[in-house]
Amino acid sequence: MPSPRIPAFHAVPVRTRRDGWTPLRQAEFIGHLAQTRCVDAAARAVGMRRETAYRLRVRAGAESFCAAWDVAVLGHGATADQIALKERAAAATRPDRKVTLGQLEWRSETGLWQVLMRRGRYAGVRRKSDESALLALVLRLGLSPTVWVGNWDWSL
């Protein structure tokens, strides 16, 4: 069985707690959800409760996480549904014009999370830096994105 392609997503902004929904725990939850297609089993696999997973889903800034959740649950549904979900997921990862500075900081700190699936089984997660969020943050703060290399002395 081919593995569902889970889109990369931004973690839901939450208060940092060791026993809470960390970005890594959110990504692992999506991976287990894609494997089991059961919210309760996926939440238990990451040491959380099903109710808190549903609360996380409705929080502000959870659009990208919700899109990844939808693809993980539906997996290999109808082709039209998959195309619609992938378009929604791609739109959810693009920064909106109304994103606050706090949200941009969170996105640049936590990055994008990619769930890795092998033969229909959860194989791990990969964190990718989100350069677009970092650039948007730099521009919003009025800083110059130019990187100065400086004067290099190549003679030895």
C-alpha atoms as a PDB file:
ATOM      1  CA  MET A   1       0.000   0.000   0.000  1.00  0.00           C
ATOM      2  CA  PRO A   2       1.494   3.381  -0.953  1.00  0.00           C
ATOM      3  CA  SER A   3       1.949   5.852   1.868  1.00  0.00           C
ATOM      4  CA  PRO A   4      -0.197   8.985   2.018  1.00  0.00           C
ATOM      5  CA  ARG A   5       1.827  12.123   1.326  1.00  0.00           C
ATOM      6  CA  ILE A   6       1.301  14.302   4.402  1.00  0.00           C
ATOM      7  CA  PRO A   7       1.961  17.960   3.577  1.00  0.00           C
ATOM      8  CA  ALA A   8       4.549  19.851   5.610  1.00  0.00           C
ATOM      9  CA  PHE A   9       2.799  21.951   8.244  1.00  0.00           C
ATOM     10  CA  HIS A  10       3.367  24.604  10.872  1.00  0.00           C
ATOM     11  CA  ALA A  11       2.896  23.503  14.457  1.00  0.00           C
ATOM     12  CA  VAL A  12       0.043  25.111  16.353  1.00  0.00           C
ATOM     13  CA  PRO A  13       1.317  27.940  18.562  1.00  0.00           C
ATOM     14  CA  VAL A  14       0.987  26.824  22.171  1.00  0.00           C
ATOM     15  CA  ARG A  15       2.502  27.742  25.498  1.00  0.00           C
ATOM     16  CA  THR A  16       5.741  25.829  25.915  1.00  0.00           C
ATOM     17  CA  ARG A  17       5.320  22.964  28.379  1.00  0.00           C
ATOM     18  CA  ARG A  18       7.322  19.796  28.612  1.00  0.00           C
ATOM     19  CA  ASP A  19       4.171  17.703  29.033  1.00  0.00           C
ATOM     20  CA  GLY A  20       2.123  19.671  26.489  1.00  0.00           C
ATOM     21  CA  TRP A  21       1.663  19.705  22.740  1.00  0.00           C
ATOM     22  CA  THR A  22       5.207  20.535  21.655  1.00  0.00           C
ATOM     23  CA  PRO A  23       5.826  20.971  17.904  1.00  0.00           C
ATOM     24  CA  LEU A  24       7.576  17.575  17.809  1.00  0.00           C
ATOM     25  CA  ARG A  25       4.673  15.900  19.610  1.00  0.00           C
ATOM     26  CA  GLN A  26       2.235  17.487  17.151  1.00  0.00           C
ATOM     27  CA  ALA A  27       4.214  16.116  14.203  1.00  0.00           C
ATOM     28  CA  GLU A  28       4.457  12.661  15.760  1.00  0.00           C
ATOM     29  CA  PHE A  29       0.712  12.727  16.403  1.00  0.00           C
ATOM     30  CA  ILE A  30       0.049  13.402  12.699  1.00  0.00           C
ATOM     31  CA  GLY A  31       2.350  10.510  11.799  1.00  0.00           C
ATOM     32  CA  HIS A  32       0.573   8.080  14.116  1.00  0.00           C
ATOM     33  CA  LEU A  33      -2.768   9.408  12.895  1.00  0.00           C
ATOM     34  CA  ALA A  34      -1.792   8.688   9.288  1.00  0.00           C
ATOM     35  CA  GLN A  35      -0.826   5.144  10.257  1.00  0.00           C
ATOM     36  CA  THR A  36      -3.817   4.279  12.455  1.00  0.00           C
ATOM     37  CA  ARG A  37      -6.470   6.746  11.235  1.00  0.00           C
ATOM     38  CA  CYS A  38      -7.678   6.783  14.851  1.00  0.00           C
ATOM     39  CA  VAL A  39      -7.398  10.004  16.873  1.00  0.00           C
ATOM     40  CA  ASP A  40      -7.544   8.181  20.209  1.00  0.00           C
ATOM     41  CA  ALA A  41      -4.759   5.725  19.300  1.00  0.00           C
ATOM     42  CA  ALA A  42      -2.569   8.473  17.829  1.00  0.00           C
ATOM     43  CA  ALA A  43      -3.001  10.675  20.897  1.00  0.00           C
ATOM     44  CA  ARG A  44      -2.163   7.785  23.228  1.00  0.00           C
ATOM     45  CA  ALA A  45       0.923   6.970  21.131  1.00  0.00           C
ATOM     46  CA  VAL A  46       2.347  10.437  21.897  1.00  0.00           C
ATOM     47  CA  GLY A  47       1.250  10.456  25.541  1.00  0.00           C
ATOM     48  CA  MET A  48      -1.668  12.840  25.153  1.00  0.00           C
ATOM     49  CA  ARG A  49      -5.457  12.600  25.351  1.00  0.00           C
ATOM     50  CA  ARG A  50      -7.900  12.629  22.476  1.00  0.00           C
ATOM     51  CA  GLU A  51      -9.814  15.589  23.918  1.00  0.00           C
ATOM     52  CA  THR A  52      -6.693  17.766  23.985  1.00  0.00           C
ATOM     53  CA  ALA A  53      -5.973  16.843  20.353  1.00  0.00           C
ATOM     54  CA  TYR A  54      -9.400  18.111  19.321  1.00  0.00           C
ATOM     55  CA  ARG A  55      -8.851  21.290  21.394  1.00  0.00           C
ATOM     56  CA  LEU A  56      -5.521  21.795  19.640  1.00  0.00           C
ATOM     57  CA  ARG A  57      -7.245  21.487  16.282  1.00  0.00           C
ATOM     58  CA  VAL A  58      -9.580  24.435  16.932  1.00  0.00           C
ATOM     59  CA  ARG A  59      -6.942  26.823  18.310  1.00  0.00           C
ATOM     60  CA  ALA A  60      -5.973  29.984  16.461  1.00  0.00           C
ATOM     61  CA  GLY A  61      -3.169  29.315  14.000  1.00  0.00           C
ATOM     62  CA  ALA A  62      -4.041  25.640  13.538  1.00  0.00           C
ATOM     63  CA  GLU A  63      -4.989  25.831   9.844  1.00  0.00           C
ATOM     64  CA  SER A  64      -1.851  24.109   8.588  1.00  0.00           C
ATOM     65  CA  PHE A  65      -2.061  21.446  11.309  1.00  0.00           C
ATOM     66  CA  CYS A  66      -5.736  20.817  10.425  1.00  0.00           C
ATOM     67  CA  ALA A  67      -4.886  20.369   6.746  1.00  0.00           C
ATOM     68  CA  ALA A  68      -2.223  17.780   7.626  1.00  0.00           C
ATOM     69  CA  TRP A  69      -4.704  16.080  10.000  1.00  0.00           C
ATOM     70  CA  ASP A  70      -7.316  15.867   7.220  1.00  0.00           C
ATOM     71  CA  VAL A  71      -4.874  14.280   4.771  1.00  0.00           C
ATOM     72  CA  ALA A  72      -3.686  11.850   7.462  1.00  0.00           C
ATOM     73  CA  VAL A  73      -7.222  10.706   8.291  1.00  0.00           C
ATOM     74  CA  LEU A  74      -8.546  10.429   4.764  1.00  0.00           C
ATOM     75  CA  GLY A  75      -5.366   8.932   3.371  1.00  0.00           C
ATOM     76  CA  HIS A  76      -6.278   7.438   0.022  1.00  0.00           C
ATOM     77  CA  GLY A  77      -9.787   8.817  -0.415  1.00  0.00           C
ATOM     78  CA  ALA A  78     -11.292   9.911  -3.688  1.00  0.00           C
ATOM     79  CA  THR A  79      -8.909  11.641  -6.076  1.00  0.00           C
ATOM     80  CA  ALA A  80     -10.892  14.878  -6.126  1.00  0.00           C
ATOM     81  CA  ASP A  81     -10.871  14.967  -2.344  1.00  0.00           C
ATOM     82  CA  GLN A  82      -7.108  14.450  -2.232  1.00  0.00           C
ATOM     83  CA  ILE A  83      -6.510  17.259  -4.700  1.00  0.00           C
ATOM     84  CA  ALA A  84      -8.722  19.593  -2.693  1.00  0.00           C
ATOM     85  CA  LEU A  85      -6.960  18.637   0.559  1.00  0.00           C
ATOM     86  CA  LYS A  86      -3.499  19.145  -0.934  1.00  0.00           C
ATOM     87  CA  GLU A  87      -4.495  22.582  -2.256  1.00  0.00           C
ATOM     88  CA  ARG A  88      -5.895  23.484   1.170  1.00  0.00           C
ATOM     89  CA  ALA A  89      -2.709  22.229   2.846  1.00  0.00           C
ATOM     90  CA  ALA A  90      -0.499  24.210   0.478  1.00  0.00           C
ATOM     91  CA  ALA A  91      -2.563  27.339   1.092  1.00  0.00           C
ATOM     92  CA  ALA A  92      -2.375  26.803   4.859  1.00  0.00           C
ATOM     93  CA  THR A  93       1.437  26.725   4.879  1.00  0.00           C
ATOM     94  CA  ARG A  94       1.762  30.005   2.980  1.00  0.00           C
ATOM     95  CA  PRO A  95       1.993  32.949   5.365  1.00  0.00           C
ATOM     96  CA  ASP A  96      -1.120  35.102   5.300  1.00  0.00           C
ATOM     97  CA  ARG A  97      -0.865  38.872   5.024  1.00  0.00           C
ATOM     98  CA  LYS A  98      -2.600  39.215   8.388  1.00  0.00           C
ATOM     99  CA  VAL A  99      -0.054  37.148  10.313  1.00  0.00           C
ATOM    100  CA  THR A 100       1.057  38.830  13.538  1.00  0.00           C
ATOM    101  CA  LEU A 101       4.660  39.312  14.595  1.00  0.00           C
ATOM    102  CA  GLY A 102       4.200  36.691  17.280  1.00  0.00           C
ATOM    103  CA  GLN A 103       2.959  34.148  14.738  1.00  0.00           C
ATOM    104  CA  LEU A 104       5.898  34.907  12.420  1.00  0.00           C
ATOM    105  CA  GLU A 105       8.322  34.474  15.316  1.00  0.00           C
ATOM    106  CA  TRP A 106       6.714  31.118  16.196  1.00  0.00           C
ATOM    107  CA  ARG A 107       6.844  29.923  12.579  1.00  0.00           C
ATOM    108  CA  SER A 108      10.486  30.921  12.153  1.00  0.00           C
ATOM    109  CA  GLU A 109      11.472  29.319  15.498  1.00  0.00           C
ATOM    110  CA  THR A 110       9.609  26.040  15.047  1.00  0.00           C
ATOM    111  CA  GLY A 111       9.822  25.713  11.262  1.00  0.00           C
ATOM    112  CA  LEU A 112       7.843  23.360   9.075  1.00  0.00           C
ATOM    113  CA  TRP A 113       7.274  19.754  10.109  1.00  0.00           C
ATOM    114  CA  GLN A 114       7.275  16.961   7.544  1.00  0.00           C
ATOM    115  CA  VAL A 115       5.916  13.554   8.527  1.00  0.00           C
ATOM    116  CA  LEU A 116       7.779  10.647   6.939  1.00  0.00           C
ATOM    117  CA  MET A 117       5.798   7.555   5.991  1.00  0.00           C
ATOM    118  CA  ARG A 118       7.198   4.275   4.635  1.00  0.00           C
ATOM    119  CA  ARG A 119       4.860   1.618   3.239  1.00  0.00           C
ATOM    120  CA  GLY A 120       1.891   3.053   5.111  1.00  0.00           C
ATOM    121  CA  ARG A 121       3.707   3.141   8.457  1.00  0.00           C
ATOM    122  CA  TYR A 122       4.910   6.150  10.398  1.00  0.00           C
ATOM    123  CA  ALA A 123       8.713   6.404   9.995  1.00  0.00           C
ATOM    124  CA  GLY A 124       9.534   9.691  11.743  1.00  0.00           C
ATOM    125  CA  VAL A 125       9.467  13.443  11.299  1.00  0.00           C
ATOM    126  CA  ARG A 126      11.773  16.005   9.787  1.00  0.00           C
ATOM    127  CA  ARG A 127      11.937  19.659  10.798  1.00  0.00           C
ATOM    128  CA  LYS A 128      12.669  22.106   8.012  1.00  0.00           C
ATOM    129  CA  SER A 129      13.460  25.759   8.629  1.00  0.00           C
ATOM    130  CA  ASP A 130      10.860  28.189   7.332  1.00  0.00           C
ATOM    131  CA  GLU A 131      12.895  30.820   5.518  1.00  0.00           C
ATOM    132  CA  SER A 132       9.804  32.593   4.180  1.00  0.00           C
ATOM    133  CA  ALA A 133       8.534  33.244   7.718  1.00  0.00           C
ATOM    134  CA  LEU A 134      11.982  34.447   8.798  1.00  0.00           C
ATOM    135  CA  LEU A 135      12.270  36.788   5.799  1.00  0.00           C
ATOM    136  CA  ALA A 136       8.757  38.138   6.418  1.00  0.00           C
ATOM    137  CA  LEU A 137       9.688  38.749  10.067  1.00  0.00           C
ATOM    138  CA  VAL A 138      12.891  40.562   9.111  1.00  0.00           C
ATOM    139  CA  LEU A 139      11.070  42.733   6.591  1.00  0.00           C
ATOM    140  CA  ARG A 140       8.222  43.481   9.003  1.00  0.00           C
ATOM    141  CA  LEU A 141      10.732  44.611  11.626  1.00  0.00           C
ATOM    142  CA  GLY A 142      12.292  46.959   9.081  1.00  0.00           C
ATOM    143  CA  LEU A 143      15.667  45.232   9.026  1.00  0.00           C
ATOM    144  CA  SER A 144      17.675  44.775   5.867  1.00  0.00           C
ATOM    145  CA  PRO A 145      17.733  41.169   4.628  1.00  0.00           C
ATOM    146  CA  THR A 146      21.097  41.815   2.970  1.00  0.00           C
ATOM    147  CA  VAL A 147      23.879  39.639   4.293  1.00  0.00           C
ATOM    148  CA  TRP A 148      27.241  41.354   4.427  1.00  0.00           C
ATOM    149  CA  VAL A 149      30.214  39.087   3.973  1.00  0.00           C
ATOM    150  CA  GLY A 150      32.718  41.730   4.954  1.00  0.00           C
ATOM    151  CA  ASN A 151      36.241  42.294   3.733  1.00  0.00           C
ATOM    152  CA  TRP A 152      37.998  39.012   3.164  1.00  0.00           C
ATOM    153  CA  ASP A 153      41.757  38.930   2.968  1.00  0.00           C
ATOM    154  CA  TRP A 154      42.538  36.085   0.610  1.00  0.00           C
ATOM    155  CA  SER A 155      46.305  36.699   0.647  1.00  0.00           C
ATOM    156  CA  LEU A 156      48.248  34.603   3.105  1.00  0.00           C
END
